[in-house]
Amino acid sequence: MALGLENSGSRFLWVVRCSSAAAAGEPELEAVLPEGFLERTKERGLVLMSWAPQMEVLSHGAVGGFVTHCGQSSVFEALSFGVPMIAWPLYAEQKFSRVAIVEEMKVALPLEMTADGFVTAAELEKRVRELMESKRGREIRRRVTEMKYSMAAAVGKGGSSIVSLEKFMETVIRS
């Protein structure tokens, strides 16, 4: 992932999470990244080896894309803030979410994995560049912006979600 981000030339915020076994010893950030990576990318990248406030990050206007594991909360948050995605599902329902956001909603690009389940640096670089620089990327940004406004309308006063919730509550109260 490091080399793909570096080679893409894009600005980035990357939250690196080690496996729980590795986290027990808490290796230094430099130990889990390619040699010299932090120095080479210091002017355009920030790497954190901790938790980050995802909703605050996604709501920031400078965010142009989000590499996501396709968890339902992450997808919902990205959509609600109008952030286009690069889909990297790991397991279970995440693969279904990937289909929804890539193939049906068309608000994300897929990351293609190798036969052994890895994503190459070249693949990540290609998708980041595609999202940030291509006609397809612009179309994805347009669609996700539309989705953002549709979602806001649905949960706003008189929106379909609010109306449905009010009807449900009326039914429960009358029962």
N, C-alpha and C. Protein backbone atom coordinates (compact mmCIF):
# COMPACT_ATOMS: atom_id res chain seq x y z
N MET A 1 0.83 -1.19 0.00
CA MET A 1 0.00 0.00 0.00
C MET A 1 0.88 1.25 0.00
N ALA A 2 1.96 1.22 0.75
CA ALA A 2 2.84 2.39 0.85
C ALA A 2 3.34 2.81 -0.53
N LEU A 3 3.84 1.87 -1.29
CA LEU A 3 4.40 2.22 -2.60
C LEU A 3 3.33 2.68 -3.57
N GLY A 4 2.14 2.11 -3.47
CA GLY A 4 1.04 2.56 -4.32
C GLY A 4 0.66 4.00 -4.03
N LEU A 5 0.57 4.34 -2.75
CA LEU A 5 0.28 5.73 -2.38
C LEU A 5 1.40 6.66 -2.81
N GLU A 6 2.63 6.25 -2.56
CA GLU A 6 3.77 7.08 -2.94
C GLU A 6 3.79 7.32 -4.45
N ASN A 7 3.65 6.27 -5.22
CA ASN A 7 3.74 6.38 -6.68
C ASN A 7 2.56 7.12 -7.30
N SER A 8 1.43 7.19 -6.59
CA SER A 8 0.26 7.89 -7.14
C SER A 8 0.49 9.39 -7.22
N GLY A 9 1.37 9.92 -6.41
CA GLY A 9 1.62 11.35 -6.40
C GLY A 9 0.57 12.16 -5.66
N SER A 10 -0.45 11.51 -5.13
CA SER A 10 -1.53 12.21 -4.43
C SER A 10 -1.18 12.48 -2.98
N ARG A 11 -1.83 13.49 -2.44
CA ARG A 11 -1.73 13.75 -1.00
C ARG A 11 -2.53 12.65 -0.30
N PHE A 12 -2.12 12.30 0.93
CA PHE A 12 -2.84 11.23 1.62
C PHE A 12 -2.72 11.33 3.12
N LEU A 13 -3.71 10.75 3.78
CA LEU A 13 -3.69 10.45 5.21
C LEU A 13 -3.89 8.95 5.27
N TRP A 14 -2.98 8.26 5.92
CA TRP A 14 -3.05 6.80 5.99
C TRP A 14 -2.96 6.38 7.45
N VAL A 15 -3.98 5.69 7.91
CA VAL A 15 -3.97 5.14 9.26
C VAL A 15 -3.52 3.69 9.15
N VAL A 16 -2.34 3.41 9.68
CA VAL A 16 -1.75 2.07 9.62
C VAL A 16 -2.14 1.33 10.88
N ARG A 17 -2.74 0.19 10.70
CA ARG A 17 -3.10 -0.63 11.86
C ARG A 17 -2.39 -1.97 11.75
N CYS A 18 -1.66 -2.31 12.77
CA CYS A 18 -0.97 -3.60 12.80
C CYS A 18 -1.93 -4.64 13.36
N SER A 19 -1.65 -5.90 13.08
CA SER A 19 -2.47 -6.96 13.65
C SER A 19 -2.34 -6.90 15.17
N SER A 20 -3.31 -7.48 15.88
CA SER A 20 -3.27 -7.43 17.34
C SER A 20 -2.01 -8.09 17.89
N ALA A 21 -1.51 -9.12 17.21
CA ALA A 21 -0.28 -9.77 17.67
C ALA A 21 0.90 -8.82 17.55
N ALA A 22 0.97 -8.10 16.44
CA ALA A 22 2.06 -7.14 16.24
C ALA A 22 1.89 -5.94 17.15
N ALA A 23 0.64 -5.54 17.39
CA ALA A 23 0.38 -4.37 18.20
C ALA A 23 0.81 -4.57 19.65
N ALA A 24 0.83 -5.82 20.11
CA ALA A 24 1.24 -6.09 21.48
C ALA A 24 2.64 -5.56 21.74
N GLY A 25 3.51 -5.69 20.75
CA GLY A 25 4.86 -5.17 20.88
C GLY A 25 5.00 -3.76 20.34
N GLU A 26 3.93 -3.24 19.74
CA GLU A 26 3.89 -1.91 19.14
C GLU A 26 5.17 -1.54 18.40
N PRO A 27 5.34 -2.09 17.20
CA PRO A 27 6.55 -1.76 16.43
C PRO A 27 6.54 -0.28 16.03
N GLU A 28 7.70 0.26 15.81
CA GLU A 28 7.82 1.64 15.35
C GLU A 28 7.24 1.73 13.94
N LEU A 29 6.69 2.87 13.62
CA LEU A 29 6.09 3.09 12.31
C LEU A 29 7.08 2.79 11.19
N GLU A 30 8.30 3.24 11.34
CA GLU A 30 9.33 3.02 10.31
C GLU A 30 9.58 1.54 10.07
N ALA A 31 9.32 0.70 11.07
CA ALA A 31 9.58 -0.74 10.94
C ALA A 31 8.56 -1.44 10.06
N VAL A 32 7.39 -0.83 9.87
CA VAL A 32 6.35 -1.48 9.08
C VAL A 32 6.19 -0.85 7.69
N LEU A 33 7.01 0.15 7.39
CA LEU A 33 6.94 0.84 6.10
C LEU A 33 8.24 0.64 5.33
N PRO A 34 8.18 0.79 4.01
CA PRO A 34 9.42 0.69 3.22
C PRO A 34 10.45 1.73 3.68
N GLU A 35 11.69 1.38 3.60
CA GLU A 35 12.77 2.27 4.03
C GLU A 35 12.69 3.61 3.28
N GLY A 36 12.71 4.69 4.04
CA GLY A 36 12.70 6.02 3.46
C GLY A 36 11.33 6.56 3.07
N PHE A 37 10.28 5.75 3.23
CA PHE A 37 8.94 6.15 2.80
C PHE A 37 8.48 7.45 3.47
N LEU A 38 8.62 7.54 4.78
CA LEU A 38 8.14 8.72 5.50
C LEU A 38 8.88 9.98 5.04
N GLU A 39 10.16 9.88 4.83
CA GLU A 39 10.95 11.02 4.37
C GLU A 39 10.53 11.44 2.95
N ARG A 40 10.35 10.45 2.07
CA ARG A 40 10.01 10.76 0.68
C ARG A 40 8.62 11.37 0.53
N THR A 41 7.72 11.06 1.44
CA THR A 41 6.33 11.51 1.31
C THR A 41 5.94 12.57 2.34
N LYS A 42 6.88 13.07 3.11
CA LYS A 42 6.55 13.97 4.22
C LYS A 42 5.86 15.26 3.77
N GLU A 43 6.07 15.70 2.55
CA GLU A 43 5.45 16.94 2.08
C GLU A 43 4.01 16.75 1.62
N ARG A 44 3.58 15.50 1.42
CA ARG A 44 2.22 15.29 0.91
C ARG A 44 1.47 14.16 1.58
N GLY A 45 2.10 13.52 2.57
CA GLY A 45 1.43 12.42 3.23
C GLY A 45 1.58 12.47 4.74
N LEU A 46 0.56 11.97 5.42
CA LEU A 46 0.59 11.84 6.86
C LEU A 46 0.23 10.40 7.18
N VAL A 47 1.09 9.73 7.92
CA VAL A 47 0.86 8.35 8.30
C VAL A 47 0.70 8.29 9.81
N LEU A 48 -0.40 7.72 10.27
CA LEU A 48 -0.66 7.57 11.70
C LEU A 48 -0.70 6.10 12.04
N MET A 49 -0.14 5.75 13.18
CA MET A 49 -0.20 4.36 13.63
C MET A 49 -1.11 4.31 14.85
N SER A 50 -2.32 4.79 14.64
CA SER A 50 -3.29 4.83 15.73
C SER A 50 -4.67 5.01 15.12
N TRP A 51 -5.61 5.26 15.97
CA TRP A 51 -6.97 5.52 15.55
C TRP A 51 -7.07 6.95 15.01
N ALA A 52 -7.97 7.18 14.08
CA ALA A 52 -8.24 8.53 13.58
C ALA A 52 -9.75 8.75 13.60
N PRO A 53 -10.19 9.98 13.82
CA PRO A 53 -11.63 10.27 13.85
C PRO A 53 -12.20 10.25 12.42
N GLN A 54 -12.64 9.08 11.99
CA GLN A 54 -13.02 8.88 10.59
C GLN A 54 -14.06 9.87 10.10
N MET A 55 -15.10 10.12 10.89
CA MET A 55 -16.14 11.04 10.42
C MET A 55 -15.59 12.46 10.26
N GLU A 56 -14.72 12.88 11.16
CA GLU A 56 -14.12 14.21 11.02
C GLU A 56 -13.24 14.28 9.78
N VAL A 57 -12.50 13.22 9.53
CA VAL A 57 -11.64 13.19 8.35
C VAL A 57 -12.50 13.23 7.09
N LEU A 58 -13.50 12.36 7.01
CA LEU A 58 -14.33 12.29 5.80
C LEU A 58 -15.11 13.58 5.56
N SER A 59 -15.42 14.30 6.61
CA SER A 59 -16.20 15.54 6.44
C SER A 59 -15.34 16.71 5.98
N HIS A 60 -14.04 16.55 5.97
CA HIS A 60 -13.15 17.65 5.58
C HIS A 60 -13.16 17.82 4.06
N GLY A 61 -13.27 19.03 3.61
CA GLY A 61 -13.38 19.32 2.18
C GLY A 61 -12.17 18.93 1.36
N ALA A 62 -11.02 18.74 2.00
CA ALA A 62 -9.81 18.38 1.26
C ALA A 62 -9.76 16.90 0.89
N VAL A 63 -10.65 16.10 1.46
CA VAL A 63 -10.63 14.66 1.18
C VAL A 63 -11.23 14.39 -0.19
N GLY A 64 -10.42 13.82 -1.07
CA GLY A 64 -10.86 13.56 -2.43
C GLY A 64 -11.22 12.12 -2.69
N GLY A 65 -10.92 11.23 -1.75
CA GLY A 65 -11.23 9.82 -1.91
C GLY A 65 -10.91 9.07 -0.64
N PHE A 66 -11.43 7.85 -0.56
CA PHE A 66 -11.33 7.04 0.64
C PHE A 66 -11.13 5.59 0.25
N VAL A 67 -10.00 5.01 0.61
CA VAL A 67 -9.78 3.58 0.41
C VAL A 67 -10.45 2.90 1.60
N THR A 68 -11.48 2.11 1.33
CA THR A 68 -12.29 1.53 2.40
C THR A 68 -12.36 0.02 2.31
N HIS A 69 -12.50 -0.61 3.48
CA HIS A 69 -12.70 -2.05 3.55
C HIS A 69 -14.16 -2.41 3.27
N CYS A 70 -14.98 -1.41 3.07
CA CYS A 70 -16.39 -1.58 2.70
C CYS A 70 -17.29 -2.04 3.84
N GLY A 71 -16.88 -1.77 5.07
CA GLY A 71 -17.78 -1.99 6.19
C GLY A 71 -18.97 -1.06 6.04
N GLN A 72 -20.13 -1.50 6.50
CA GLN A 72 -21.34 -0.72 6.27
C GLN A 72 -21.28 0.68 6.86
N SER A 73 -20.72 0.83 8.04
CA SER A 73 -20.62 2.16 8.65
C SER A 73 -19.69 3.06 7.84
N SER A 74 -18.56 2.52 7.41
CA SER A 74 -17.61 3.32 6.63
C SER A 74 -18.22 3.77 5.31
N VAL A 75 -18.93 2.87 4.65
CA VAL A 75 -19.58 3.21 3.38
C VAL A 75 -20.64 4.29 3.61
N PHE A 76 -21.46 4.11 4.64
CA PHE A 76 -22.50 5.09 4.94
C PHE A 76 -21.90 6.46 5.23
N GLU A 77 -20.82 6.49 6.02
CA GLU A 77 -20.17 7.76 6.35
C GLU A 77 -19.61 8.43 5.10
N ALA A 78 -18.95 7.66 4.25
CA ALA A 78 -18.38 8.23 3.03
C ALA A 78 -19.49 8.79 2.14
N LEU A 79 -20.57 8.04 1.99
CA LEU A 79 -21.69 8.51 1.17
C LEU A 79 -22.31 9.78 1.75
N SER A 80 -22.49 9.81 3.06
CA SER A 80 -23.16 10.96 3.67
C SER A 80 -22.32 12.24 3.56
N PHE A 81 -21.00 12.09 3.40
CA PHE A 81 -20.14 13.26 3.22
C PHE A 81 -19.75 13.47 1.76
N GLY A 82 -20.27 12.63 0.87
CA GLY A 82 -19.99 12.80 -0.56
C GLY A 82 -18.57 12.48 -0.95
N VAL A 83 -17.98 11.48 -0.31
CA VAL A 83 -16.59 11.11 -0.58
C VAL A 83 -16.55 9.85 -1.45
N PRO A 84 -15.97 9.94 -2.64
CA PRO A 84 -15.85 8.75 -3.50
C PRO A 84 -14.89 7.75 -2.87
N MET A 85 -15.08 6.49 -3.22
CA MET A 85 -14.34 5.42 -2.56
C MET A 85 -13.56 4.55 -3.53
N ILE A 86 -12.55 3.91 -2.97
CA ILE A 86 -11.84 2.81 -3.62
C ILE A 86 -12.11 1.61 -2.72
N ALA A 87 -12.75 0.60 -3.28
CA ALA A 87 -13.26 -0.53 -2.49
C ALA A 87 -12.24 -1.65 -2.36
N TRP A 88 -11.93 -1.99 -1.10
CA TRP A 88 -10.98 -3.07 -0.79
C TRP A 88 -11.60 -3.95 0.29
N PRO A 89 -12.63 -4.73 -0.05
CA PRO A 89 -13.29 -5.56 0.96
C PRO A 89 -12.40 -6.71 1.41
N LEU A 90 -12.54 -7.06 2.66
CA LEU A 90 -11.74 -8.15 3.20
C LEU A 90 -12.54 -9.44 3.37
N TYR A 91 -13.76 -9.35 3.89
CA TYR A 91 -14.55 -10.56 4.12
C TYR A 91 -16.02 -10.23 4.35
N ALA A 92 -16.80 -11.30 4.44
CA ALA A 92 -18.23 -11.28 4.80
C ALA A 92 -19.01 -10.24 3.99
N GLU A 93 -19.82 -9.43 4.71
CA GLU A 93 -20.72 -8.49 4.04
C GLU A 93 -19.99 -7.40 3.29
N GLN A 94 -18.71 -7.23 3.58
CA GLN A 94 -17.93 -6.20 2.89
C GLN A 94 -17.91 -6.45 1.38
N LYS A 95 -17.90 -7.70 0.99
CA LYS A 95 -17.89 -8.02 -0.44
C LYS A 95 -19.22 -7.66 -1.10
N PHE A 96 -20.31 -7.79 -0.36
CA PHE A 96 -21.62 -7.38 -0.88
C PHE A 96 -21.69 -5.85 -0.98
N SER A 97 -21.13 -5.18 0.01
CA SER A 97 -21.10 -3.71 -0.04
C SER A 97 -20.29 -3.24 -1.23
N ARG A 98 -19.20 -3.93 -1.53
CA ARG A 98 -18.38 -3.58 -2.69
C ARG A 98 -19.20 -3.63 -3.97
N VAL A 99 -19.97 -4.70 -4.14
CA VAL A 99 -20.81 -4.83 -5.33
C VAL A 99 -21.78 -3.65 -5.40
N ALA A 100 -22.38 -3.31 -4.28
CA ALA A 100 -23.35 -2.21 -4.26
C ALA A 100 -22.72 -0.88 -4.65
N ILE A 101 -21.57 -0.55 -4.06
CA ILE A 101 -21.00 0.77 -4.31
C ILE A 101 -20.24 0.87 -5.63
N VAL A 102 -19.70 -0.25 -6.11
CA VAL A 102 -18.95 -0.23 -7.38
C VAL A 102 -19.87 -0.47 -8.56
N GLU A 103 -20.65 -1.53 -8.52
CA GLU A 103 -21.42 -1.95 -9.69
C GLU A 103 -22.81 -1.34 -9.77
N GLU A 104 -23.47 -1.16 -8.64
CA GLU A 104 -24.83 -0.65 -8.66
C GLU A 104 -24.89 0.87 -8.53
N MET A 105 -24.30 1.40 -7.47
CA MET A 105 -24.36 2.84 -7.22
C MET A 105 -23.32 3.62 -8.03
N LYS A 106 -22.25 2.95 -8.39
CA LYS A 106 -21.16 3.56 -9.17
C LYS A 106 -20.57 4.79 -8.48
N VAL A 107 -20.26 4.62 -7.18
CA VAL A 107 -19.65 5.69 -6.38
C VAL A 107 -18.27 5.26 -5.87
N ALA A 108 -17.75 4.17 -6.43
CA ALA A 108 -16.46 3.65 -5.99
C ALA A 108 -15.78 2.91 -7.13
N LEU A 109 -14.47 2.81 -7.01
CA LEU A 109 -13.67 1.99 -7.92
C LEU A 109 -13.25 0.73 -7.18
N PRO A 110 -13.14 -0.39 -7.89
CA PRO A 110 -12.71 -1.62 -7.23
C PRO A 110 -11.18 -1.72 -7.18
N LEU A 111 -10.67 -2.36 -6.16
CA LEU A 111 -9.26 -2.75 -6.13
C LEU A 111 -9.24 -4.23 -6.48
N GLU A 112 -8.51 -4.59 -7.49
CA GLU A 112 -8.42 -5.99 -7.90
C GLU A 112 -7.31 -6.67 -7.12
N MET A 113 -7.63 -7.81 -6.54
CA MET A 113 -6.65 -8.56 -5.75
C MET A 113 -5.99 -9.63 -6.60
N THR A 114 -4.76 -9.98 -6.21
CA THR A 114 -4.06 -11.08 -6.86
C THR A 114 -4.69 -12.38 -6.41
N ALA A 115 -4.29 -13.48 -7.02
CA ALA A 115 -4.84 -14.80 -6.68
C ALA A 115 -4.63 -15.14 -5.21
N ASP A 116 -3.56 -14.64 -4.62
CA ASP A 116 -3.30 -14.94 -3.21
C ASP A 116 -3.89 -13.89 -2.25
N GLY A 117 -4.75 -13.02 -2.76
CA GLY A 117 -5.49 -12.10 -1.92
C GLY A 117 -4.82 -10.77 -1.61
N PHE A 118 -3.77 -10.43 -2.32
CA PHE A 118 -3.08 -9.17 -2.08
C PHE A 118 -3.44 -8.15 -3.16
N VAL A 119 -3.20 -6.89 -2.85
CA VAL A 119 -3.35 -5.81 -3.83
C VAL A 119 -1.96 -5.28 -4.10
N THR A 120 -1.60 -5.17 -5.37
CA THR A 120 -0.26 -4.70 -5.72
C THR A 120 -0.17 -3.18 -5.62
N ALA A 121 1.05 -2.70 -5.48
CA ALA A 121 1.29 -1.25 -5.45
C ALA A 121 0.80 -0.63 -6.76
N ALA A 122 1.06 -1.31 -7.87
CA ALA A 122 0.64 -0.78 -9.18
C ALA A 122 -0.88 -0.65 -9.26
N GLU A 123 -1.61 -1.61 -8.71
CA GLU A 123 -3.07 -1.56 -8.72
C GLU A 123 -3.58 -0.39 -7.89
N LEU A 124 -3.03 -0.21 -6.70
CA LEU A 124 -3.47 0.90 -5.87
C LEU A 124 -3.13 2.24 -6.52
N GLU A 125 -1.93 2.36 -7.04
CA GLU A 125 -1.54 3.59 -7.74
C GLU A 125 -2.51 3.89 -8.88
N LYS A 126 -2.82 2.87 -9.67
CA LYS A 126 -3.72 3.02 -10.82
C LYS A 126 -5.09 3.53 -10.38
N ARG A 127 -5.63 2.93 -9.32
CA ARG A 127 -6.98 3.31 -8.87
C ARG A 127 -7.00 4.70 -8.23
N VAL A 128 -5.95 5.05 -7.49
CA VAL A 128 -5.90 6.40 -6.91
C VAL A 128 -5.84 7.42 -8.03
N ARG A 129 -4.98 7.20 -9.00
CA ARG A 129 -4.88 8.13 -10.14
C ARG A 129 -6.21 8.20 -10.90
N GLU A 130 -6.83 7.05 -11.10
CA GLU A 130 -8.10 7.02 -11.83
C GLU A 130 -9.17 7.82 -11.08
N LEU A 131 -9.24 7.65 -9.78
CA LEU A 131 -10.24 8.37 -9.00
C LEU A 131 -9.97 9.87 -9.00
N MET A 132 -8.72 10.25 -8.91
CA MET A 132 -8.38 11.66 -8.76
C MET A 132 -8.23 12.41 -10.09
N GLU A 133 -7.93 11.71 -11.18
CA GLU A 133 -7.55 12.41 -12.41
C GLU A 133 -8.38 12.10 -13.65
N SER A 134 -9.18 11.05 -13.63
CA SER A 134 -9.82 10.61 -14.88
C SER A 134 -11.27 11.07 -15.02
N LYS A 135 -11.78 10.91 -16.22
CA LYS A 135 -13.18 11.19 -16.51
C LYS A 135 -14.07 10.29 -15.64
N ARG A 136 -13.71 9.02 -15.53
CA ARG A 136 -14.49 8.10 -14.69
C ARG A 136 -14.49 8.58 -13.24
N GLY A 137 -13.35 9.06 -12.76
CA GLY A 137 -13.27 9.60 -11.40
C GLY A 137 -14.19 10.80 -11.21
N ARG A 138 -14.23 11.68 -12.20
CA ARG A 138 -15.12 12.85 -12.13
C ARG A 138 -16.58 12.41 -12.09
N GLU A 139 -16.93 11.39 -12.86
CA GLU A 139 -18.30 10.87 -12.86
C GLU A 139 -18.64 10.26 -11.50
N ILE A 140 -17.71 9.55 -10.92
CA ILE A 140 -17.93 8.97 -9.58
C ILE A 140 -18.15 10.09 -8.57
N ARG A 141 -17.34 11.15 -8.63
CA ARG A 141 -17.50 12.27 -7.71
C ARG A 141 -18.87 12.94 -7.89
N ARG A 142 -19.30 13.06 -9.14
CA ARG A 142 -20.62 13.64 -9.40
C ARG A 142 -21.72 12.79 -8.78
N ARG A 143 -21.63 11.47 -8.98
CA ARG A 143 -22.66 10.57 -8.47
C ARG A 143 -22.69 10.54 -6.94
N VAL A 144 -21.51 10.53 -6.32
CA VAL A 144 -21.47 10.47 -4.85
C VAL A 144 -21.96 11.79 -4.25
N THR A 145 -21.76 12.89 -4.95
CA THR A 145 -22.30 14.18 -4.48
C THR A 145 -23.82 14.16 -4.54
N GLU A 146 -24.38 13.62 -5.61
CA GLU A 146 -25.84 13.47 -5.71
C GLU A 146 -26.36 12.61 -4.57
N MET A 147 -25.65 11.51 -4.29
CA MET A 147 -26.05 10.60 -3.22
C MET A 147 -26.04 11.32 -1.87
N LYS A 148 -25.04 12.14 -1.65
CA LYS A 148 -24.93 12.92 -0.40
C LYS A 148 -26.19 13.76 -0.19
N TYR A 149 -26.61 14.47 -1.24
CA TYR A 149 -27.78 15.33 -1.12
C TYR A 149 -29.07 14.52 -0.98
N SER A 150 -29.15 13.39 -1.65
CA SER A 150 -30.32 12.51 -1.52
C SER A 150 -30.44 11.97 -0.10
N MET A 151 -29.30 11.59 0.46
CA MET A 151 -29.31 11.06 1.83
C MET A 151 -29.71 12.15 2.82
N ALA A 152 -29.19 13.35 2.63
CA ALA A 152 -29.54 14.45 3.52
C ALA A 152 -31.03 14.76 3.44
N ALA A 153 -31.59 14.72 2.24
CA ALA A 153 -33.02 14.98 2.07
C ALA A 153 -33.86 13.90 2.75
N ALA A 154 -33.41 12.65 2.67
CA ALA A 154 -34.16 11.55 3.25
C ALA A 154 -34.26 11.64 4.77
N VAL A 155 -33.23 12.17 5.41
CA VAL A 155 -33.25 12.25 6.87
C VAL A 155 -33.66 13.63 7.37
N GLY A 156 -33.90 14.56 6.45
CA GLY A 156 -34.33 15.91 6.83
C GLY A 156 -35.83 15.96 7.09
N LYS A 157 -36.28 17.11 7.56
CA LYS A 157 -37.71 17.31 7.85
C LYS A 157 -38.54 16.99 6.62
N GLY A 158 -39.50 16.08 6.79
CA GLY A 158 -40.37 15.67 5.70
C GLY A 158 -39.74 14.66 4.75
N GLY A 159 -38.50 14.25 5.02
CA GLY A 159 -37.82 13.28 4.17
C GLY A 159 -38.38 11.88 4.34
N SER A 160 -38.12 11.02 3.38
CA SER A 160 -38.69 9.67 3.39
C SER A 160 -38.32 8.87 4.63
N SER A 161 -37.11 8.98 5.13
CA SER A 161 -36.72 8.24 6.33
C SER A 161 -37.46 8.75 7.55
N ILE A 162 -37.59 10.06 7.66
CA ILE A 162 -38.29 10.65 8.80
C ILE A 162 -39.77 10.28 8.76
N VAL A 163 -40.39 10.38 7.60
CA VAL A 163 -41.81 10.04 7.46
C VAL A 163 -42.03 8.57 7.83
N SER A 164 -41.17 7.69 7.35
CA SER A 164 -41.30 6.26 7.68
C SER A 164 -41.14 6.02 9.17
N LEU A 165 -40.18 6.67 9.80
CA LEU A 165 -39.97 6.52 11.23
C LEU A 165 -41.18 7.04 12.01
N GLU A 166 -41.72 8.18 11.60
CA GLU A 166 -42.90 8.73 12.27
C GLU A 166 -44.09 7.78 12.15
N LYS A 167 -44.31 7.20 10.98
CA LYS A 167 -45.41 6.25 10.79
C LYS A 167 -45.20 5.01 11.65
N PHE A 168 -43.98 4.53 11.72
CA PHE A 168 -43.67 3.37 12.55
C PHE A 168 -43.97 3.68 14.02
N MET A 169 -43.53 4.83 14.49
CA MET A 169 -43.75 5.21 15.89
C MET A 169 -45.24 5.34 16.19
N GLU A 170 -46.00 5.90 15.25
CA GLU A 170 -47.45 6.00 15.44
C GLU A 170 -48.07 4.62 15.59
N THR A 171 -47.63 3.68 14.77
CA THR A 171 -48.14 2.31 14.82
C THR A 171 -47.80 1.66 16.16
N VAL A 172 -46.58 1.84 16.62
CA VAL A 172 -46.15 1.26 17.90
C VAL A 172 -46.95 1.86 19.05
N ILE A 173 -47.13 3.15 19.03
CA ILE A 173 -47.84 3.83 20.11
C ILE A 173 -49.30 3.39 20.16
N ARG A 174 -49.93 3.19 19.01
CA ARG A 174 -51.33 2.77 18.95
C ARG A 174 -51.52 1.31 19.34
N SER A 175 -50.47 0.52 19.28
CA SER A 175 -50.59 -0.92 19.56
C SER A 175 -50.71 -1.20 21.03
